[in-house]
Amino acid sequence: MAEPEPIVLQGRTLPLEGRHVVLGVTGSIAAYKAADLASKLRQAGAELEVVMTPAATRFVTPLTFQSLSARPVVIDMFSAAEAEAHVEVARRADALVIAPATADCIAHLASGATPNMVTLTALATTAPVLIAPAMDNQMWEHPATRANVEILRARGVAIVGPASGRLASGRTGPGRLSEPVEIVGALRALLGATSGDFAGRHVVVSAGGTREAIDPVRYVGNHSTGMMGFAIAEAARDRGARVTLVTAPVALDTPVGVERVDVTSAEQMLAALAAATTESDAIIMSAAPADFRPAAAATQKIKKTDDRVDMTVEMVKNPDIIATLAGGGVRVGFAAETENLADFARAKLTAKRLDLIVANDVTAAGSGFGTETNEVVIFHASGESEALPLMSKLAVGHAILDRVAKLLRA
């Protein structure tokens, strides 16, 4: 095997590692969720700095955010330790996230008014800005608020939410602050779109194991959970790609900013991927489509009777999806094997006209279905191969994308 190249992991194993994120907190009852958001930003690797409006301190104390960020919280420009704190904080920022953003805050941002440190920082920064609105549904739906939001969108400000649900007033409707995990996902997508090496690229990813119907109740399937494919989709999004994720049934949430297409059978997956890859820059086929399907699915549930001791299901071969697809750009396949990994992977690499194939032994510890990690060998059409160590599936996704990026540049 060739000596593996260094794994660049441009999108980072910790997705926000090395990013200086400024979190602006304004005076909403939803400010308590900002504490959870601050924690999740730190867990994602961000260097966090918090600025608050005086009204926000009435809901959550600055000490809470100081503890979570390990930095002093800036509330008042005139009492801050730094001279011209609003400018210095703004200059340090790789991104500004305002969550929750009240109707009052949004109005000030739209007009350019700066009555507090949050709006001062927003006016002074050149970094990408993401706001997460939170307010009563009547305020959110008011024409003035909607007009202010459109002004901000036109200036390039990203908006996440609001969600619909029960509000603090007891009413139900749009206005809830998006969940912290969604806000972090939106931030990752925003940073990727502004500085990622896949910005402007379209990446198609498949995930999950297909289900081939025997009758309306039963199906033929496999153990694939879709975790690897979803991790690749997240990694591609983090690096700025427009991502189409074609997935068989899985119990996973759609990554924020990713277009999801749900399918059930291998034939449906082939049709969806054929449509998605007409102008894609890369396809990464990490799904586990069934090789065979029942020749004819029963229209009603097949009943078990006392005199039946066996059952035979006639099977026919499914189309080989990646081999059938005409293009898609850089073509990456997967080989989940239990033996002779290198031989089987190289054979598939040629037969399916792939640029890369990612092979793993699903019987190895930490490398099978449903695990958070994977240990793979990447085989290149040029003949070289790279054995990567056991790592998180997100890191594996970035390692694959590092190789795809090199092929796209070439």
Protein backbone atom coordinates (compact mmCIF):
# COMPACT_ATOMS: atom_id res chain seq x y z
CA MET A 1 0.00 0.00 0.00
CA ALA A 2 1.09 3.54 -0.70
CA GLU A 3 1.95 5.77 2.20
CA PRO A 4 -1.29 7.65 2.97
CA GLU A 5 -1.34 11.38 2.42
CA PRO A 6 -1.91 13.59 5.45
CA ILE A 7 -5.60 13.90 6.20
CA VAL A 8 -6.30 17.59 5.80
CA LEU A 9 -9.77 17.53 7.36
CA GLN A 10 -10.42 21.04 6.13
CA GLY A 11 -13.91 20.80 7.55
CA ARG A 12 -12.41 19.65 10.88
CA THR A 13 -13.32 16.69 13.06
CA LEU A 14 -14.68 19.31 15.46
CA PRO A 15 -16.67 21.27 12.88
CA LEU A 16 -16.08 24.72 14.38
CA GLU A 17 -12.54 24.14 15.61
CA GLY A 18 -10.49 27.33 15.46
CA ARG A 19 -13.50 29.51 14.61
CA HIS A 20 -14.08 32.60 16.75
CA VAL A 21 -17.84 32.83 17.18
CA VAL A 22 -19.50 35.80 18.82
CA LEU A 23 -22.88 35.01 20.33
CA GLY A 24 -25.25 37.95 20.76
CA VAL A 25 -28.06 37.43 23.27
CA THR A 26 -31.05 39.78 23.37
CA GLY A 27 -33.94 40.22 25.78
CA SER A 28 -36.29 37.32 25.11
CA ILE A 29 -37.66 34.61 27.37
CA ALA A 30 -35.89 32.24 24.96
CA ALA A 31 -32.54 33.55 26.26
CA TYR A 32 -32.33 30.49 28.49
CA LYS A 33 -31.85 28.38 25.34
CA ALA A 34 -28.84 30.52 24.43
CA ALA A 35 -26.98 28.95 27.35
CA ASP A 36 -27.44 25.52 25.77
CA LEU A 37 -26.41 27.00 22.41
CA ALA A 38 -23.24 28.43 23.97
CA SER A 39 -22.40 25.00 25.36
CA LYS A 40 -22.98 23.31 22.00
CA LEU A 41 -20.82 25.87 20.20
CA ARG A 42 -17.96 25.13 22.58
CA GLN A 43 -18.49 21.38 22.15
CA ALA A 44 -18.22 21.90 18.38
CA GLY A 45 -14.80 23.48 18.91
CA ALA A 46 -15.65 27.17 18.64
CA GLU A 47 -13.79 29.88 20.52
CA LEU A 48 -16.77 31.65 22.01
CA GLU A 49 -17.33 35.24 23.04
CA VAL A 50 -20.70 36.48 24.30
CA VAL A 51 -22.22 39.96 24.06
CA MET A 52 -25.55 40.73 25.74
CA THR A 53 -28.11 43.48 25.75
CA PRO A 54 -29.04 44.88 29.18
CA ALA A 55 -32.51 43.36 28.72
CA ALA A 56 -30.99 39.92 28.18
CA THR A 57 -29.31 40.06 31.58
CA ARG A 58 -32.77 40.23 33.14
CA PHE A 59 -33.45 36.70 31.85
CA VAL A 60 -30.03 35.01 32.19
CA THR A 61 -27.10 36.33 34.22
CA PRO A 62 -23.83 37.22 32.48
CA LEU A 63 -22.05 34.85 34.87
CA THR A 64 -23.80 31.92 33.16
CA PHE A 65 -22.30 32.84 29.80
CA GLN A 66 -18.94 33.73 31.30
CA SER A 67 -18.78 30.23 32.76
CA LEU A 68 -19.76 28.63 29.46
CA SER A 69 -17.45 30.72 27.27
CA ALA A 70 -14.52 31.09 29.71
CA ARG A 71 -14.45 34.78 28.73
CA PRO A 72 -15.83 38.00 30.21
CA VAL A 73 -19.24 38.89 28.81
CA VAL A 74 -19.49 42.28 27.12
CA ILE A 75 -22.67 44.22 27.90
CA ASP A 76 -21.73 47.90 27.86
CA MET A 77 -19.14 49.42 25.56
CA PHE A 78 -18.22 52.03 28.13
CA SER A 79 -17.64 49.62 31.01
CA ALA A 80 -15.82 46.94 28.96
CA ALA A 81 -12.18 46.20 29.63
CA GLU A 82 -11.22 46.99 26.02
CA ALA A 83 -11.40 50.40 24.48
CA GLU A 84 -13.93 50.40 21.63
CA ALA A 85 -15.02 46.91 22.61
CA HIS A 86 -17.64 46.75 19.88
CA VAL A 87 -14.98 47.17 17.20
CA GLU A 88 -12.52 44.75 18.77
CA VAL A 89 -15.14 42.05 19.31
CA ALA A 90 -16.39 42.55 15.76
CA ARG A 91 -12.87 42.26 14.33
CA ARG A 92 -12.19 39.00 16.16
CA ALA A 93 -15.36 37.38 14.91
CA ASP A 94 -15.34 34.68 12.25
CA ALA A 95 -19.12 34.69 12.63
CA LEU A 96 -21.75 36.55 14.62
CA VAL A 97 -24.77 34.59 15.83
CA ILE A 98 -27.65 36.51 17.42
CA ALA A 99 -29.88 34.08 19.29
CA PRO A 100 -32.47 34.88 20.38
CA ALA A 101 -33.06 37.86 18.11
CA THR A 102 -36.11 39.83 19.25
CA ALA A 103 -38.37 41.88 16.97
CA ASP A 104 -36.78 44.99 18.46
CA CYS A 105 -33.28 43.72 17.67
CA ILE A 106 -34.26 42.84 14.09
CA ALA A 107 -35.76 46.31 13.59
CA HIS A 108 -32.56 47.97 14.81
CA LEU A 109 -30.41 45.74 12.61
CA ALA A 110 -32.50 46.61 9.57
CA SER A 111 -32.31 50.37 10.23
CA GLY A 112 -28.66 50.38 11.29
CA ALA A 113 -29.50 51.66 14.78
CA THR A 114 -27.07 50.66 17.54
CA PRO A 115 -28.64 51.04 20.99
CA ASN A 116 -26.68 48.15 22.55
CA MET A 117 -23.55 46.01 22.24
CA VAL A 118 -25.24 43.35 20.11
CA THR A 119 -26.33 45.78 17.40
CA LEU A 120 -23.06 47.73 17.69
CA THR A 121 -21.11 44.54 17.05
CA ALA A 122 -23.37 43.62 14.13
CA LEU A 123 -22.81 46.99 12.50
CA ALA A 124 -19.04 46.82 12.99
CA THR A 125 -18.35 43.26 11.85
CA THR A 126 -17.52 42.08 8.35
CA ALA A 127 -18.00 38.44 9.37
CA PRO A 128 -21.03 36.39 8.31
CA VAL A 129 -24.08 37.06 10.47
CA LEU A 130 -26.72 34.50 11.46
CA ILE A 131 -29.82 35.48 13.38
CA ALA A 132 -32.35 33.21 15.08
CA PRO A 133 -35.60 35.10 15.68
CA ALA A 134 -37.73 34.50 18.78
CA MET A 135 -40.96 36.38 19.53
CA ASP A 136 -44.72 36.06 19.77
CA ASN A 137 -46.34 34.85 16.55
CA GLN A 138 -48.25 38.11 16.07
CA MET A 139 -45.01 40.05 16.20
CA TRP A 140 -43.30 37.66 13.78
CA GLU A 141 -46.19 37.88 11.32
CA HIS A 142 -46.45 41.69 11.49
CA PRO A 143 -45.63 43.32 8.10
CA ALA A 144 -42.95 45.49 9.71
CA THR A 145 -41.06 42.47 11.05
CA ARG A 146 -41.37 40.60 7.77
CA ALA A 147 -40.10 43.65 5.87
CA ASN A 148 -37.16 44.01 8.26
CA VAL A 149 -36.27 40.34 7.80
CA GLU A 150 -36.29 40.74 4.01
CA ILE A 151 -34.02 43.78 4.30
CA LEU A 152 -31.55 41.69 6.30
CA ARG A 153 -31.75 38.78 3.86
CA ALA A 154 -31.01 41.17 0.99
CA ARG A 155 -27.86 42.27 2.84
CA GLY A 156 -26.69 38.68 3.15
CA VAL A 157 -27.73 38.03 6.74
CA ALA A 158 -28.69 34.36 7.23
CA ILE A 159 -31.89 33.54 9.11
CA VAL A 160 -32.61 30.27 10.92
CA GLY A 161 -36.19 29.70 12.05
CA PRO A 162 -38.30 30.59 13.79
CA ALA A 163 -39.97 27.28 14.55
CA SER A 164 -43.67 26.79 15.12
CA GLY A 165 -45.09 25.51 18.38
CA ARG A 166 -46.24 26.59 21.80
CA LEU A 167 -45.03 30.07 22.69
CA ALA A 168 -44.38 31.69 26.06
CA SER A 169 -47.71 33.47 25.79
CA GLY A 170 -49.49 30.14 25.61
CA ARG A 171 -50.41 30.65 21.97
CA THR A 172 -49.33 28.30 19.22
CA GLY A 173 -47.69 29.46 16.01
CA PRO A 174 -44.40 30.56 14.43
CA GLY A 175 -42.00 32.43 16.69
CA ARG A 176 -40.19 29.80 18.75
CA LEU A 177 -36.42 29.99 18.82
CA SER A 178 -34.91 27.19 16.74
CA GLU A 179 -33.31 24.42 18.74
CA PRO A 180 -29.59 24.94 19.49
CA VAL A 181 -28.57 21.96 17.33
CA GLU A 182 -30.34 23.56 14.35
CA ILE A 183 -28.65 26.90 14.97
CA VAL A 184 -25.22 25.23 15.13
CA GLY A 185 -26.02 23.38 11.89
CA ALA A 186 -27.07 26.61 10.20
CA LEU A 187 -23.84 28.27 11.36
CA ARG A 188 -21.76 25.40 9.97
CA ALA A 189 -23.58 25.72 6.64
CA LEU A 190 -23.08 29.50 6.59
CA LEU A 191 -19.35 29.30 7.28
CA GLY A 192 -18.96 26.59 4.65
CA ALA A 193 -20.79 28.64 2.04
CA THR A 194 -18.56 31.66 2.70
CA SER A 195 -15.16 29.99 3.02
CA GLY A 196 -15.41 26.26 2.21
CA ASP A 197 -13.43 24.54 -0.54
CA PHE A 198 -16.66 23.03 -1.96
CA ALA A 199 -18.49 26.36 -2.21
CA GLY A 200 -20.37 26.40 -5.51
CA ARG A 201 -20.12 22.60 -5.89
CA HIS A 202 -23.01 20.15 -5.94
CA VAL A 203 -22.39 16.90 -4.09
CA VAL A 204 -24.87 14.01 -4.19
CA VAL A 205 -24.73 11.47 -1.36
CA SER A 206 -26.73 8.28 -0.91
CA ALA A 207 -27.37 6.67 2.46
CA GLY A 208 -29.15 3.84 4.22
CA GLY A 209 -30.29 0.38 3.28
CA THR A 210 -33.15 -0.06 0.82
CA ARG A 211 -36.25 -2.10 1.59
CA GLU A 212 -37.61 -4.48 -1.04
CA ALA A 213 -41.24 -5.36 -0.37
CA ILE A 214 -42.38 -8.98 0.07
CA ASP A 215 -45.90 -7.84 0.96
CA PRO A 216 -47.37 -4.66 2.54
CA VAL A 217 -45.91 -5.70 5.93
CA ARG A 218 -42.60 -7.45 5.24
CA TYR A 219 -39.49 -6.54 3.29
CA VAL A 220 -35.98 -7.69 2.44
CA GLY A 221 -33.37 -5.34 3.86
CA ASN A 222 -29.98 -5.04 5.56
CA HIS A 223 -28.37 -3.59 8.67
CA SER A 224 -27.31 -0.21 7.23
CA THR A 225 -28.30 2.72 9.47
CA GLY A 226 -27.32 5.54 7.10
CA MET A 227 -24.93 7.08 9.64
CA MET A 228 -21.96 7.10 7.28
CA GLY A 229 -23.88 8.76 4.46
CA PHE A 230 -25.39 11.38 6.74
CA ALA A 231 -21.91 12.16 8.13
CA ILE A 232 -20.60 12.64 4.59
CA ALA A 233 -23.53 14.93 3.80
CA GLU A 234 -22.77 17.01 6.90
CA ALA A 235 -19.09 17.23 6.01
CA ALA A 236 -19.88 18.33 2.45
CA ARG A 237 -22.30 20.95 3.74
CA ASP A 238 -19.69 22.22 6.21
CA ARG A 239 -17.32 22.72 3.29
CA GLY A 240 -19.83 24.80 1.33
CA ALA A 241 -21.34 22.25 -1.04
CA ARG A 242 -24.94 22.19 -2.09
CA VAL A 243 -25.80 18.70 -0.90
CA THR A 244 -28.51 16.38 -2.15
CA LEU A 245 -28.95 13.42 0.19
CA VAL A 246 -30.87 10.50 -1.29
CA THR A 247 -31.70 8.19 1.57
CA ALA A 248 -33.44 4.91 2.17
CA PRO A 249 -35.51 4.67 5.40
CA VAL A 250 -33.37 5.64 8.40
CA ALA A 251 -33.97 6.95 11.92
CA LEU A 252 -31.83 10.08 11.48
CA ASP A 253 -32.63 13.79 11.37
CA THR A 254 -31.91 15.69 8.19
CA PRO A 255 -28.75 17.80 8.54
CA VAL A 256 -29.58 21.52 8.46
CA GLY A 257 -29.08 22.96 4.98
CA VAL A 258 -29.12 19.60 3.20
CA GLU A 259 -31.74 18.71 0.58
CA ARG A 260 -33.15 15.30 1.46
CA VAL A 261 -34.87 12.92 -0.96
CA ASP A 262 -36.51 9.89 0.67
CA VAL A 263 -36.79 6.60 -1.21
CA THR A 264 -37.59 3.04 -0.21
CA SER A 265 -36.43 0.59 -2.87
CA ALA A 266 -33.28 0.28 -4.96
CA GLU A 267 -35.19 1.13 -8.14
CA GLN A 268 -36.51 4.31 -6.49
CA MET A 269 -32.98 5.19 -5.35
CA LEU A 270 -31.66 4.74 -8.89
CA ALA A 271 -34.33 7.07 -10.29
CA ALA A 272 -33.70 9.71 -7.62
CA LEU A 273 -29.92 9.59 -8.09
CA ALA A 274 -30.24 9.75 -11.88
CA ALA A 275 -32.25 12.97 -11.48
CA ALA A 276 -29.91 14.42 -8.84
CA THR A 277 -26.65 13.75 -10.69
CA THR A 278 -27.47 15.38 -14.02
CA GLU A 279 -25.20 18.32 -13.15
CA SER A 280 -23.45 17.21 -9.95
CA ASP A 281 -19.74 17.62 -9.29
CA ALA A 282 -19.48 14.40 -7.28
CA ILE A 283 -21.55 11.43 -6.23
CA ILE A 284 -20.67 9.49 -3.10
CA MET A 285 -22.58 6.21 -3.06
CA SER A 286 -22.50 5.21 0.61
CA ALA A 287 -25.96 3.61 0.61
CA ALA A 288 -26.44 -0.13 0.87
CA PRO A 289 -29.04 -0.92 -1.79
CA ALA A 290 -30.35 -4.48 -1.83
CA ASP A 291 -28.76 -6.65 -4.50
CA PHE A 292 -31.99 -8.60 -5.00
CA ARG A 293 -35.73 -7.96 -4.66
CA PRO A 294 -38.79 -10.21 -4.64
CA ALA A 295 -39.91 -10.92 -8.20
CA ALA A 296 -43.45 -9.90 -7.27
CA ALA A 297 -44.65 -8.33 -4.03
CA ALA A 298 -47.94 -9.66 -2.69
CA THR A 299 -50.71 -7.06 -2.60
CA GLN A 300 -52.02 -8.37 0.73
CA LYS A 301 -50.23 -9.64 3.82
CA ILE A 302 -49.12 -13.23 3.40
CA LYS A 303 -50.80 -15.15 6.20
CA LYS A 304 -49.20 -17.81 8.33
CA THR A 305 -51.35 -20.93 8.45
CA ASP A 306 -51.09 -24.05 10.59
CA ASP A 307 -50.31 -26.29 7.64
CA ARG A 308 -47.58 -24.00 6.17
CA VAL A 309 -44.10 -25.13 7.25
CA ASP A 310 -41.99 -23.15 4.76
CA MET A 311 -42.15 -20.25 2.37
CA THR A 312 -40.27 -19.54 -0.83
CA VAL A 313 -39.77 -16.03 -2.20
CA GLU A 314 -38.53 -15.81 -5.78
CA MET A 315 -35.86 -13.12 -6.06
CA VAL A 316 -34.60 -11.13 -9.04
CA LYS A 317 -31.50 -8.98 -9.36
CA ASN A 318 -31.70 -5.25 -8.70
CA PRO A 319 -29.87 -2.81 -10.99
CA ASP A 320 -26.34 -1.89 -9.87
CA ILE A 321 -27.02 1.76 -9.10
CA ILE A 322 -23.60 3.39 -9.34
CA ALA A 323 -22.62 1.25 -12.34
CA THR A 324 -25.86 2.20 -14.10
CA LEU A 325 -25.52 5.94 -13.53
CA ALA A 326 -23.89 7.60 -16.53
CA GLY A 327 -21.97 10.37 -14.78
CA GLY A 328 -22.24 12.42 -11.63
CA GLY A 329 -18.77 13.96 -11.69
CA VAL A 330 -16.19 12.41 -9.38
CA ARG A 331 -17.56 8.95 -8.61
CA VAL A 332 -17.05 7.40 -5.18
CA GLY A 333 -18.38 4.01 -4.15
CA PHE A 334 -18.39 1.99 -0.95
CA ALA A 335 -17.60 -1.65 -0.33
CA ALA A 336 -18.80 -3.15 2.95
CA GLU A 337 -17.03 -6.51 3.11
CA THR A 338 -16.47 -9.38 5.52
CA GLU A 339 -13.48 -10.99 3.75
CA ASN A 340 -10.95 -10.40 0.94
CA LEU A 341 -11.52 -6.67 1.29
CA ALA A 342 -8.84 -5.49 -1.12
CA ASP A 343 -9.70 -7.95 -3.90
CA PHE A 344 -13.42 -7.26 -3.81
CA ALA A 345 -12.92 -3.50 -3.55
CA ARG A 346 -10.55 -3.34 -6.53
CA ALA A 347 -12.90 -5.45 -8.64
CA LYS A 348 -15.79 -3.07 -7.86
CA LEU A 349 -13.61 -0.03 -8.54
CA THR A 350 -13.14 -1.16 -12.15
CA ALA A 351 -16.57 -2.69 -12.78
CA LYS A 352 -18.44 0.38 -11.53
CA ARG A 353 -16.18 2.95 -13.26
CA LEU A 354 -15.25 4.65 -9.99
CA ASP A 355 -12.57 7.20 -9.18
CA LEU A 356 -12.43 6.04 -5.55
CA ILE A 357 -13.89 3.21 -3.53
CA VAL A 358 -14.05 3.27 0.24
CA ALA A 359 -13.87 -0.23 1.74
CA ASN A 360 -14.41 -1.37 5.29
CA ASP A 361 -14.61 -4.68 7.12
CA VAL A 362 -18.03 -4.58 8.80
CA THR A 363 -17.00 -7.36 11.20
CA ALA A 364 -14.17 -5.24 12.68
CA ALA A 365 -14.72 -3.59 16.05
CA GLY A 366 -15.95 -0.02 15.69
CA SER A 367 -16.31 -0.34 11.93
CA GLY A 368 -19.66 -2.03 11.42
CA PHE A 369 -23.22 -0.88 11.06
CA GLY A 370 -24.61 1.55 13.61
CA THR A 371 -21.25 2.63 15.04
CA GLU A 372 -20.09 6.23 15.51
CA THR A 373 -16.69 5.33 14.03
CA ASN A 374 -15.30 3.64 10.94
CA GLU A 375 -11.96 2.28 9.76
CA VAL A 376 -11.61 2.33 5.99
CA VAL A 377 -9.22 1.76 3.13
CA ILE A 378 -9.53 4.12 0.17
CA PHE A 379 -8.65 2.58 -3.21
CA HIS A 380 -7.90 4.91 -6.12
CA ALA A 381 -8.48 4.26 -9.81
CA SER A 382 -4.77 5.06 -10.26
CA GLY A 383 -3.93 1.90 -8.31
CA GLU A 384 -2.84 3.34 -4.98
CA SER A 385 -4.57 2.61 -1.70
CA GLU A 386 -4.66 4.32 1.68
CA ALA A 387 -5.47 2.65 4.98
CA LEU A 388 -6.93 5.18 7.39
CA PRO A 389 -7.06 4.69 11.17
CA LEU A 390 -10.25 4.24 13.16
CA MET A 391 -11.93 7.65 13.36
CA SER A 392 -15.32 9.25 13.64
CA LYS A 393 -17.59 8.92 10.63
CA LEU A 394 -17.54 12.71 10.24
CA ALA A 395 -13.74 12.57 10.02
CA VAL A 396 -13.97 9.74 7.47
CA GLY A 397 -16.36 11.93 5.48
CA HIS A 398 -13.85 14.77 5.44
CA ALA A 399 -11.04 12.40 4.47
CA ILE A 400 -13.09 11.25 1.48
CA LEU A 401 -13.90 14.83 0.54
CA ASP A 402 -10.22 15.78 0.76
CA ARG A 403 -9.56 13.21 -1.99
CA VAL A 404 -12.59 14.30 -4.00
CA ALA A 405 -11.45 17.93 -3.80
CA LYS A 406 -8.03 16.95 -5.16
CA LEU A 407 -9.67 15.15 -8.09
CA LEU A 408 -11.93 18.12 -8.80
CA ARG A 409 -8.93 20.44 -8.87
CA ALA A 410 -7.20 18.11 -11.29
